[in-house]
Amino acid sequence: MNIDRAVLAMAGTMILLSLALAHFVSPWWLLLTAFVGLNMLQASFTGFCPAAIIFAKLGLPSGCAFR
């Protein structure tokens, strides 16, 4: 697994988790979904992703999008 796939897996997990929490706990959890989506959008323009930096420090090999 490289950094790109790890970032996508983490984002997908966070979105699914926030949707489940919004359904079972409180609709306010949809703000987490919005935050993840906005972070993915800004990363597509800037190339800056805090999760990618963390995964790089954990030793995952770089991919095409995040180096």
PDB file of N, CA and C in Angstrom:
ATOM      1  N   MET A   1       0.862  -1.174   0.000  1.00  0.00           N
ATOM      2  CA  MET A   1       0.000   0.000   0.000  1.00  0.00           C
ATOM      3  C   MET A   1       0.903   1.229   0.000  1.00  0.00           C
ATOM      4  N   ASN A   2       0.548   2.200  -0.846  1.00  0.00           N
ATOM      5  CA  ASN A   2       1.310   3.446  -0.867  1.00  0.00           C
ATOM      6  C   ASN A   2       0.495   4.565  -0.209  1.00  0.00           C
ATOM      7  N   ILE A   3       1.086   5.747  -0.152  1.00  0.00           N
ATOM      8  CA  ILE A   3       0.449   6.878   0.536  1.00  0.00           C
ATOM      9  C   ILE A   3      -0.887   7.236  -0.107  1.00  0.00           C
ATOM     10  N   ASP A   4      -0.934   7.233  -1.438  1.00  0.00           N
ATOM     11  CA  ASP A   4      -2.177   7.603  -2.125  1.00  0.00           C
ATOM     12  C   ASP A   4      -3.332   6.696  -1.720  1.00  0.00           C
ATOM     13  N   ARG A   5      -3.080   5.402  -1.739  1.00  0.00           N
ATOM     14  CA  ARG A   5      -4.142   4.448  -1.388  1.00  0.00           C
ATOM     15  C   ARG A   5      -4.513   4.557   0.093  1.00  0.00           C
ATOM     16  N   ALA A   6      -3.529   4.813   0.946  1.00  0.00           N
ATOM     17  CA  ALA A   6      -3.814   4.954   2.372  1.00  0.00           C
ATOM     18  C   ALA A   6      -4.682   6.183   2.638  1.00  0.00           C
ATOM     19  N   VAL A   7      -4.390   7.281   1.948  1.00  0.00           N
ATOM     20  CA  VAL A   7      -5.198   8.499   2.118  1.00  0.00           C
ATOM     21  C   VAL A   7      -6.625   8.251   1.642  1.00  0.00           C
ATOM     22  N   LEU A   8      -6.782   7.607   0.502  1.00  0.00           N
ATOM     23  CA  LEU A   8      -8.125   7.321  -0.001  1.00  0.00           C
ATOM     24  C   LEU A   8      -8.876   6.373   0.928  1.00  0.00           C
ATOM     25  N   ALA A   9      -8.178   5.367   1.443  1.00  0.00           N
ATOM     26  CA  ALA A   9      -8.816   4.423   2.369  1.00  0.00           C
ATOM     27  C   ALA A   9      -9.248   5.123   3.652  1.00  0.00           C
ATOM     28  N   MET A  10      -8.394   6.002   4.172  1.00  0.00           N
ATOM     29  CA  MET A  10      -8.744   6.714   5.391  1.00  0.00           C
ATOM     30  C   MET A  10      -9.919   7.662   5.155  1.00  0.00           C
ATOM     31  N   ALA A  11      -9.905   8.381   4.033  1.00  0.00           N
ATOM     32  CA  ALA A  11     -11.005   9.304   3.729  1.00  0.00           C
ATOM     33  C   ALA A  11     -12.322   8.544   3.566  1.00  0.00           C
ATOM     34  N   GLY A  12     -12.287   7.440   2.862  1.00  0.00           N
ATOM     35  CA  GLY A  12     -13.499   6.639   2.694  1.00  0.00           C
ATOM     36  C   GLY A  12     -14.019   6.094   4.008  1.00  0.00           C
ATOM     37  N   THR A  13     -13.100   5.643   4.860  1.00  0.00           N
ATOM     38  CA  THR A  13     -13.493   5.137   6.172  1.00  0.00           C
ATOM     39  C   THR A  13     -14.124   6.241   7.020  1.00  0.00           C
ATOM     40  N   MET A  14     -13.519   7.414   7.003  1.00  0.00           N
ATOM     41  CA  MET A  14     -14.065   8.527   7.788  1.00  0.00           C
ATOM     42  C   MET A  14     -15.447   8.941   7.290  1.00  0.00           C
ATOM     43  N   ILE A  15     -15.636   8.941   5.982  1.00  0.00           N
ATOM     44  CA  ILE A  15     -16.942   9.309   5.432  1.00  0.00           C
ATOM     45  C   ILE A  15     -18.003   8.288   5.825  1.00  0.00           C
ATOM     46  N   LEU A  16     -17.686   6.997   5.681  1.00  0.00           N
ATOM     47  CA  LEU A  16     -18.653   5.967   6.049  1.00  0.00           C
ATOM     48  C   LEU A  16     -18.954   5.980   7.543  1.00  0.00           C
ATOM     49  N   LEU A  17     -17.922   6.205   8.351  1.00  0.00           N
ATOM     50  CA  LEU A  17     -18.111   6.283   9.800  1.00  0.00           C
ATOM     51  C   LEU A  17     -19.006   7.465  10.163  1.00  0.00           C
ATOM     52  N   SER A  18     -18.756   8.624   9.546  1.00  0.00           N
ATOM     53  CA  SER A  18     -19.572   9.795   9.879  1.00  0.00           C
ATOM     54  C   SER A  18     -21.014   9.616   9.411  1.00  0.00           C
ATOM     55  N   LEU A  19     -21.222   8.929   8.293  1.00  0.00           N
ATOM     56  CA  LEU A  19     -22.593   8.670   7.842  1.00  0.00           C
ATOM     57  C   LEU A  19     -23.320   7.744   8.810  1.00  0.00           C
ATOM     58  N   ALA A  20     -22.619   6.731   9.298  1.00  0.00           N
ATOM     59  CA  ALA A  20     -23.235   5.822  10.276  1.00  0.00           C
ATOM     60  C   ALA A  20     -23.548   6.561  11.572  1.00  0.00           C
ATOM     61  N   LEU A  21     -22.615   7.393  12.027  1.00  0.00           N
ATOM     62  CA  LEU A  21     -22.857   8.163  13.249  1.00  0.00           C
ATOM     63  C   LEU A  21     -23.992   9.155  13.064  1.00  0.00           C
ATOM     64  N   ALA A  22     -24.101   9.750  11.882  1.00  0.00           N
ATOM     65  CA  ALA A  22     -25.202  10.680  11.616  1.00  0.00           C
ATOM     66  C   ALA A  22     -26.540   9.950  11.634  1.00  0.00           C
ATOM     67  N   HIS A  23     -26.559   8.742  11.161  1.00  0.00           N
ATOM     68  CA  HIS A  23     -27.801   7.971  11.129  1.00  0.00           C
ATOM     69  C   HIS A  23     -28.211   7.496  12.525  1.00  0.00           C
ATOM     70  N   PHE A  24     -27.241   7.002  13.299  1.00  0.00           N
ATOM     71  CA  PHE A  24     -27.566   6.382  14.582  1.00  0.00           C
ATOM     72  C   PHE A  24     -27.446   7.314  15.787  1.00  0.00           C
ATOM     73  N   VAL A  25     -26.653   8.384  15.682  1.00  0.00           N
ATOM     74  CA  VAL A  25     -26.409   9.231  16.853  1.00  0.00           C
ATOM     75  C   VAL A  25     -26.996  10.627  16.668  1.00  0.00           C
ATOM     76  N   SER A  26     -26.439  11.383  15.731  1.00  0.00           N
ATOM     77  CA  SER A  26     -26.877  12.765  15.549  1.00  0.00           C
ATOM     78  C   SER A  26     -26.526  13.228  14.140  1.00  0.00           C
ATOM     79  N   PRO A  27     -27.413  13.986  13.495  1.00  0.00           N
ATOM     80  CA  PRO A  27     -27.104  14.487  12.161  1.00  0.00           C
ATOM     81  C   PRO A  27     -25.932  15.467  12.129  1.00  0.00           C
ATOM     82  N   TRP A  28     -25.522  15.957  13.273  1.00  0.00           N
ATOM     83  CA  TRP A  28     -24.371  16.865  13.325  1.00  0.00           C
ATOM     84  C   TRP A  28     -23.085  16.191  12.866  1.00  0.00           C
ATOM     85  N   TRP A  29     -23.046  14.854  12.873  1.00  0.00           N
ATOM     86  CA  TRP A  29     -21.870  14.129  12.400  1.00  0.00           C
ATOM     87  C   TRP A  29     -21.643  14.319  10.904  1.00  0.00           C
ATOM     88  N   LEU A  30     -22.643  14.824  10.195  1.00  0.00           N
ATOM     89  CA  LEU A  30     -22.458  15.105   8.768  1.00  0.00           C
ATOM     90  C   LEU A  30     -21.440  16.218   8.536  1.00  0.00           C
ATOM     91  N   LEU A  31     -21.170  17.002   9.580  1.00  0.00           N
ATOM     92  CA  LEU A  31     -20.112  18.010   9.467  1.00  0.00           C
ATOM     93  C   LEU A  31     -18.751  17.356   9.250  1.00  0.00           C
ATOM     94  N   LEU A  32     -18.544  16.178   9.820  1.00  0.00           N
ATOM     95  CA  LEU A  32     -17.294  15.452   9.582  1.00  0.00           C
ATOM     96  C   LEU A  32     -17.195  15.041   8.115  1.00  0.00           C
ATOM     97  N   THR A  33     -18.303  14.609   7.527  1.00  0.00           N
ATOM     98  CA  THR A  33     -18.312  14.275   6.103  1.00  0.00           C
ATOM     99  C   THR A  33     -17.951  15.498   5.261  1.00  0.00           C
ATOM    100  N   ALA A  34     -18.519  16.636   5.604  1.00  0.00           N
ATOM    101  CA  ALA A  34     -18.212  17.875   4.882  1.00  0.00           C
ATOM    102  C   ALA A  34     -16.745  18.247   5.039  1.00  0.00           C
ATOM    103  N   PHE A  35     -16.205  18.090   6.237  1.00  0.00           N
ATOM    104  CA  PHE A  35     -14.802  18.414   6.476  1.00  0.00           C
ATOM    105  C   PHE A  35     -13.884  17.527   5.632  1.00  0.00           C
ATOM    106  N   VAL A  36     -14.169  16.238   5.597  1.00  0.00           N
ATOM    107  CA  VAL A  36     -13.339  15.314   4.814  1.00  0.00           C
ATOM    108  C   VAL A  36     -13.422  15.665   3.329  1.00  0.00           C
ATOM    109  N   GLY A  37     -14.626  15.954   2.856  1.00  0.00           N
ATOM    110  CA  GLY A  37     -14.788  16.330   1.456  1.00  0.00           C
ATOM    111  C   GLY A  37     -14.052  17.610   1.106  1.00  0.00           C
ATOM    112  N   LEU A  38     -14.139  18.610   1.974  1.00  0.00           N
ATOM    113  CA  LEU A  38     -13.422  19.864   1.724  1.00  0.00           C
ATOM    114  C   LEU A  38     -11.916  19.670   1.766  1.00  0.00           C
ATOM    115  N   ASN A  39     -11.439  18.813   2.676  1.00  0.00           N
ATOM    116  CA  ASN A  39     -10.012  18.536   2.751  1.00  0.00           C
ATOM    117  C   ASN A  39      -9.530  17.835   1.483  1.00  0.00           C
ATOM    118  N   MET A  40     -10.326  16.906   0.962  1.00  0.00           N
ATOM    119  CA  MET A  40      -9.955  16.231  -0.282  1.00  0.00           C
ATOM    120  C   MET A  40      -9.937  17.211  -1.456  1.00  0.00           C
ATOM    121  N   LEU A  41     -10.883  18.136  -1.469  1.00  0.00           N
ATOM    122  CA  LEU A  41     -10.931  19.136  -2.540  1.00  0.00           C
ATOM    123  C   LEU A  41      -9.714  20.057  -2.494  1.00  0.00           C
ATOM    124  N   GLN A  42      -9.367  20.553  -1.300  1.00  0.00           N
ATOM    125  CA  GLN A  42      -8.209  21.448  -1.225  1.00  0.00           C
ATOM    126  C   GLN A  42      -6.919  20.698  -1.522  1.00  0.00           C
ATOM    127  N   ALA A  43      -6.839  19.413  -1.151  1.00  0.00           N
ATOM    128  CA  ALA A  43      -5.635  18.628  -1.451  1.00  0.00           C
ATOM    129  C   ALA A  43      -5.480  18.413  -2.951  1.00  0.00           C
ATOM    130  N   SER A  44      -6.591  18.336  -3.667  1.00  0.00           N
ATOM    131  CA  SER A  44      -6.499  18.156  -5.122  1.00  0.00           C
ATOM    132  C   SER A  44      -5.929  19.389  -5.805  1.00  0.00           C
ATOM    133  N   PHE A  45      -6.148  20.567  -5.215  1.00  0.00           N
ATOM    134  CA  PHE A  45      -5.617  21.794  -5.803  1.00  0.00           C
ATOM    135  C   PHE A  45      -4.222  22.132  -5.302  1.00  0.00           C
ATOM    136  N   THR A  46      -3.962  21.905  -4.025  1.00  0.00           N
ATOM    137  CA  THR A  46      -2.704  22.351  -3.434  1.00  0.00           C
ATOM    138  C   THR A  46      -1.658  21.256  -3.312  1.00  0.00           C
ATOM    139  N   GLY A  47      -2.094  19.999  -3.257  1.00  0.00           N
ATOM    140  CA  GLY A  47      -1.160  18.899  -3.042  1.00  0.00           C
ATOM    141  C   GLY A  47      -0.770  18.727  -1.585  1.00  0.00           C
ATOM    142  N   PHE A  48      -1.325  19.549  -0.703  1.00  0.00           N
ATOM    143  CA  PHE A  48      -1.026  19.465   0.727  1.00  0.00           C
ATOM    144  C   PHE A  48      -2.093  18.639   1.423  1.00  0.00           C
ATOM    145  N   CYS A  49      -1.657  17.574   2.094  1.00  0.00           N
ATOM    146  CA  CYS A  49      -2.585  16.712   2.815  1.00  0.00           C
ATOM    147  C   CYS A  49      -1.925  16.268   4.116  1.00  0.00           C
ATOM    148  N   PRO A  50      -2.444  16.686   5.260  1.00  0.00           N
ATOM    149  CA  PRO A  50      -1.847  16.294   6.535  1.00  0.00           C
ATOM    150  C   PRO A  50      -1.782  14.774   6.718  1.00  0.00           C
ATOM    151  N   ALA A  51      -2.781  14.051   6.244  1.00  0.00           N
ATOM    152  CA  ALA A  51      -2.762  12.590   6.375  1.00  0.00           C
ATOM    153  C   ALA A  51      -1.603  11.998   5.580  1.00  0.00           C
ATOM    154  N   ALA A  52      -1.325  12.547   4.403  1.00  0.00           N
ATOM    155  CA  ALA A  52      -0.215  12.046   3.588  1.00  0.00           C
ATOM    156  C   ALA A  52       1.118  12.265   4.295  1.00  0.00           C
ATOM    157  N   ILE A  53       1.256  13.372   4.992  1.00  0.00           N
ATOM    158  CA  ILE A  53       2.488  13.639   5.742  1.00  0.00           C
ATOM    159  C   ILE A  53       2.654  12.618   6.860  1.00  0.00           C
ATOM    160  N   ILE A  54       1.560  12.319   7.545  1.00  0.00           N
ATOM    161  CA  ILE A  54       1.611  11.330   8.633  1.00  0.00           C
ATOM    162  C   ILE A  54       1.960   9.953   8.084  1.00  0.00           C
ATOM    163  N   PHE A  55       1.322   9.561   6.976  1.00  0.00           N
ATOM    164  CA  PHE A  55       1.613   8.252   6.387  1.00  0.00           C
ATOM    165  C   PHE A  55       3.051   8.171   5.894  1.00  0.00           C
ATOM    166  N   ALA A  56       3.594   9.274   5.389  1.00  0.00           N
ATOM    167  CA  ALA A  56       4.997   9.287   4.952  1.00  0.00           C
ATOM    168  C   ALA A  56       5.930   9.087   6.143  1.00  0.00           C
ATOM    169  N   LYS A  57       5.610   9.732   7.272  1.00  0.00           N
ATOM    170  CA  LYS A  57       6.432   9.563   8.471  1.00  0.00           C
ATOM    171  C   LYS A  57       6.322   8.156   9.037  1.00  0.00           C
ATOM    172  N   LEU A  58       5.209   7.470   8.761  1.00  0.00           N
ATOM    173  CA  LEU A  58       5.046   6.082   9.191  1.00  0.00           C
ATOM    174  C   LEU A  58       5.787   5.110   8.277  1.00  0.00           C
ATOM    175  N   GLY A  59       6.331   5.617   7.175  1.00  0.00           N
ATOM    176  CA  GLY A  59       7.169   4.792   6.313  1.00  0.00           C
ATOM    177  C   GLY A  59       6.493   4.217   5.083  1.00  0.00           C
ATOM    178  N   LEU A  60       5.280   4.656   4.750  1.00  0.00           N
ATOM    179  CA  LEU A  60       4.645   4.163   3.545  1.00  0.00           C
ATOM    180  C   LEU A  60       5.337   4.746   2.320  1.00  0.00           C
ATOM    181  N   PRO A  61       5.470   3.962   1.252  1.00  0.00           N
ATOM    182  CA  PRO A  61       6.103   4.487   0.044  1.00  0.00           C
ATOM    183  C   PRO A  61       5.207   5.525  -0.636  1.00  0.00           C
ATOM    184  N   SER A  62       5.838   6.480  -1.314  1.00  0.00           N
ATOM    185  CA  SER A  62       5.066   7.537  -1.959  1.00  0.00           C
ATOM    186  C   SER A  62       4.386   7.000  -3.207  1.00  0.00           C
ATOM    187  N   GLY A  63       3.318   7.675  -3.582  1.00  0.00           N
ATOM    188  CA  GLY A  63       2.587   7.323  -4.795  1.00  0.00           C
ATOM    189  C   GLY A  63       2.720   8.439  -5.802  1.00  0.00           C
ATOM    190  N   CYS A  64       1.772   8.527  -6.708  1.00  0.00           N
ATOM    191  CA  CYS A  64       1.822   9.558  -7.754  1.00  0.00           C
ATOM    192  C   CYS A  64       1.344  10.918  -7.260  1.00  0.00           C
ATOM    193  N   ALA A  65       0.322  10.926  -6.389  1.00  0.00           N
ATOM    194  CA  ALA A  65      -0.291  12.190  -5.985  1.00  0.00           C
ATOM    195  C   ALA A  65       0.469  12.856  -4.836  1.00  0.00           C
ATOM    196  N   PHE A  66       0.832  12.102  -3.816  1.00  0.00           N
ATOM    197  CA  PHE A  66       1.487  12.673  -2.638  1.00  0.00           C
ATOM    198  C   PHE A  66       2.901  12.115  -2.541  1.00  0.00           C
ATOM    199  N   ARG A  67       3.874  13.005  -2.457  1.00  0.00           N
ATOM    200  CA  ARG A  67       5.285  12.573  -2.383  1.00  0.00           C
ATOM    201  C   ARG A  67       5.925  13.098  -1.137  1.00  0.00           C
TER     202      ARG A  67
END
